[in-house]
Amino acid sequence: MRRLFLALALCPFQAVASDWSAVQLHDAYVQYTRYFDGGRYPLITNAGNPEGRLGHELNLSLNLDIFKYGLWDSTVHSMTDQSQFRLVGLESRLGARITPNVEINYYHYSQHSLDYSFPWGFPVQDGVQLRLYFQKSADARRSLF
């Protein structure tokens, strides 16, 4: 699994530097958060940890353009308590730019418990997003390669 993440992070997605390249990588990053003492999260509490205290969060994000007008922004997120990973999930947008300031996206968010099965299932949200930009940086979606 580590090799897959490393390959995705280091792989040059863009074959030719032009607006019509099949896939352009804009952002690829890992984000780490250390939570302060006292932080609680209900999914960790209900998963058999009565204190439910948060420990750390580790995320891997990739933001891609597909043929200039398409986009795919995706984050794999994980959360720990004070001792081990308890939750993992995906937040993703797959969409199209209608104009430079208007996007329509399929949005997905899910969060899965690694050591407990909840009777009501896991949190999941799927929907359609309309994103309107009032101000957009000229190089907001500039390619890394």
Protein backbone atom coordinates (compact mmCIF):
# COMPACT_ATOMS: atom_id res chain seq x y z
CA MET A 1 0.00 0.00 0.00
CA ARG A 2 2.87 2.38 0.80
CA ARG A 3 4.31 1.73 -2.65
CA LEU A 4 1.01 2.64 -4.28
CA PHE A 5 0.82 5.97 -2.42
CA LEU A 6 4.44 6.71 -3.28
CA ALA A 7 3.87 5.87 -6.96
CA LEU A 8 0.81 8.14 -7.11
CA ALA A 9 2.63 11.00 -5.41
CA LEU A 10 5.71 10.79 -7.64
CA CYS A 11 4.18 9.78 -10.97
CA PRO A 12 4.24 12.55 -13.60
CA PHE A 13 0.62 12.58 -14.75
CA GLN A 14 1.14 15.07 -17.53
CA ALA A 15 2.78 13.81 -20.70
CA VAL A 16 2.91 17.18 -22.49
CA ALA A 17 2.71 20.65 -20.91
CA SER A 18 -0.37 22.01 -22.63
CA ASP A 19 -3.98 22.83 -21.80
CA TRP A 20 -5.13 19.66 -23.56
CA SER A 21 -2.99 17.11 -21.73
CA ALA A 22 -5.07 14.13 -20.67
CA VAL A 23 -4.35 14.59 -16.96
CA GLN A 24 -2.56 17.40 -15.13
CA LEU A 25 -1.57 17.10 -11.48
CA HIS A 26 -2.09 20.34 -9.54
CA ASP A 27 -1.75 19.40 -5.89
CA ALA A 28 -0.36 16.31 -4.22
CA TYR A 29 0.18 16.57 -0.49
CA VAL A 30 0.11 14.81 2.83
CA GLN A 31 -1.48 16.63 5.75
CA TYR A 32 -0.85 15.74 9.40
CA THR A 33 -2.84 17.07 12.37
CA ARG A 34 -2.09 16.50 16.06
CA TYR A 35 -5.24 17.17 18.08
CA PHE A 36 -5.18 18.92 21.44
CA ASP A 37 -6.17 17.01 24.57
CA GLY A 38 -9.89 17.14 25.21
CA GLY A 39 -10.88 16.62 21.56
CA ARG A 40 -13.63 13.99 21.17
CA TYR A 41 -15.25 12.33 18.20
CA PRO A 42 -18.47 10.26 18.48
CA LEU A 43 -17.46 7.55 16.00
CA ILE A 44 -14.38 6.78 18.06
CA THR A 45 -16.37 6.86 21.32
CA ASN A 46 -19.02 4.48 19.93
CA ALA A 47 -16.35 2.14 18.54
CA GLY A 48 -15.48 0.82 21.99
CA ASN A 49 -13.23 3.62 23.23
CA PRO A 50 -15.23 5.19 26.09
CA GLU A 51 -13.05 8.30 26.25
CA GLY A 52 -13.20 8.80 22.49
CA ARG A 53 -10.27 11.18 22.52
CA LEU A 54 -8.74 12.19 19.24
CA GLY A 55 -5.07 11.66 18.61
CA HIS A 56 -3.92 12.36 15.06
CA GLU A 57 -5.22 12.75 11.53
CA LEU A 58 -3.30 11.85 8.37
CA ASN A 59 -4.58 12.74 4.88
CA LEU A 60 -3.32 12.14 1.34
CA SER A 61 -4.72 14.50 -1.30
CA LEU A 62 -4.47 14.62 -5.10
CA ASN A 63 -6.08 17.29 -7.28
CA LEU A 64 -6.16 16.63 -11.02
CA ASP A 65 -7.45 18.27 -14.19
CA ILE A 66 -8.76 15.98 -16.92
CA PHE A 67 -8.68 17.35 -20.51
CA LYS A 68 -8.77 21.02 -19.34
CA TYR A 69 -12.49 21.02 -18.42
CA GLY A 70 -12.72 18.02 -16.10
CA LEU A 71 -11.47 17.72 -12.54
CA TRP A 72 -10.94 15.13 -9.85
CA ASP A 73 -10.04 16.23 -6.34
CA SER A 74 -9.65 13.41 -3.86
CA THR A 75 -8.53 13.01 -0.25
CA VAL A 76 -8.05 9.76 1.63
CA HIS A 77 -8.35 10.68 5.31
CA SER A 78 -7.63 8.73 8.47
CA MET A 79 -8.05 9.41 12.18
CA THR A 80 -6.55 7.87 15.30
CA ASP A 81 -7.37 7.85 18.96
CA GLN A 82 -4.48 7.95 21.42
CA SER A 83 -3.18 4.52 20.36
CA GLN A 84 -4.22 3.34 16.85
CA PHE A 85 -5.98 4.17 13.60
CA ARG A 86 -9.75 4.01 14.11
CA LEU A 87 -11.31 5.65 11.04
CA VAL A 88 -10.50 5.93 7.34
CA GLY A 89 -12.49 7.55 4.56
CA LEU A 90 -12.65 9.27 1.21
CA GLU A 91 -13.69 12.76 0.17
CA SER A 92 -13.85 13.25 -3.58
CA ARG A 93 -15.18 15.60 -6.25
CA LEU A 94 -15.43 14.52 -9.88
CA GLY A 95 -16.73 17.23 -12.12
CA ALA A 96 -16.63 19.55 -15.08
CA ARG A 97 -15.98 23.26 -15.58
CA ILE A 98 -18.95 24.76 -17.42
CA THR A 99 -17.18 28.15 -17.58
CA PRO A 100 -13.95 29.26 -15.86
CA ASN A 101 -16.03 30.31 -12.81
CA VAL A 102 -18.72 27.58 -12.74
CA GLU A 103 -18.23 23.90 -11.89
CA ILE A 104 -20.70 21.06 -11.51
CA ASN A 105 -19.44 18.10 -9.48
CA TYR A 106 -20.37 14.70 -8.17
CA TYR A 107 -19.40 14.82 -4.48
CA HIS A 108 -18.68 11.82 -2.24
CA TYR A 109 -17.73 11.71 1.44
CA SER A 110 -17.45 8.56 3.52
CA GLN A 111 -15.90 7.54 6.81
CA HIS A 112 -15.38 3.91 7.84
CA SER A 113 -14.61 2.47 11.25
CA LEU A 114 -11.72 0.00 11.18
CA ASP A 115 -12.61 -2.00 14.26
CA TYR A 116 -16.36 -1.70 14.78
CA SER A 117 -19.46 -2.26 12.65
CA PHE A 118 -22.24 0.19 13.46
CA PRO A 119 -25.85 -1.07 13.14
CA TRP A 120 -26.78 2.03 11.13
CA GLY A 121 -23.80 1.72 8.75
CA PHE A 122 -21.08 4.29 8.25
CA PRO A 123 -21.39 8.00 7.43
CA VAL A 124 -21.71 8.56 3.70
CA GLN A 125 -22.77 11.60 1.71
CA ASP A 126 -23.22 11.62 -2.07
CA GLY A 127 -24.59 14.50 -4.05
CA VAL A 128 -24.30 17.00 -6.86
CA GLN A 129 -22.48 20.27 -6.22
CA LEU A 130 -22.67 23.53 -8.09
CA ARG A 131 -19.62 25.68 -7.36
CA LEU A 132 -19.63 29.38 -8.33
CA TYR A 133 -16.37 31.31 -8.01
CA PHE A 134 -16.58 35.02 -7.19
CA GLN A 135 -12.81 35.43 -7.24
CA LYS A 136 -10.38 32.89 -8.64
CA SER A 137 -6.61 33.10 -8.64
CA ALA A 138 -5.07 33.01 -12.12
CA ASP A 139 -2.82 30.10 -11.15
CA ALA A 140 -5.25 28.33 -8.78
CA ARG A 141 -5.25 25.22 -10.98
CA ARG A 142 -1.74 25.60 -12.37
CA SER A 143 -0.08 22.29 -13.16
CA LEU A 144 2.82 21.05 -11.04
CA PHE A 145 4.54 19.53 -14.09
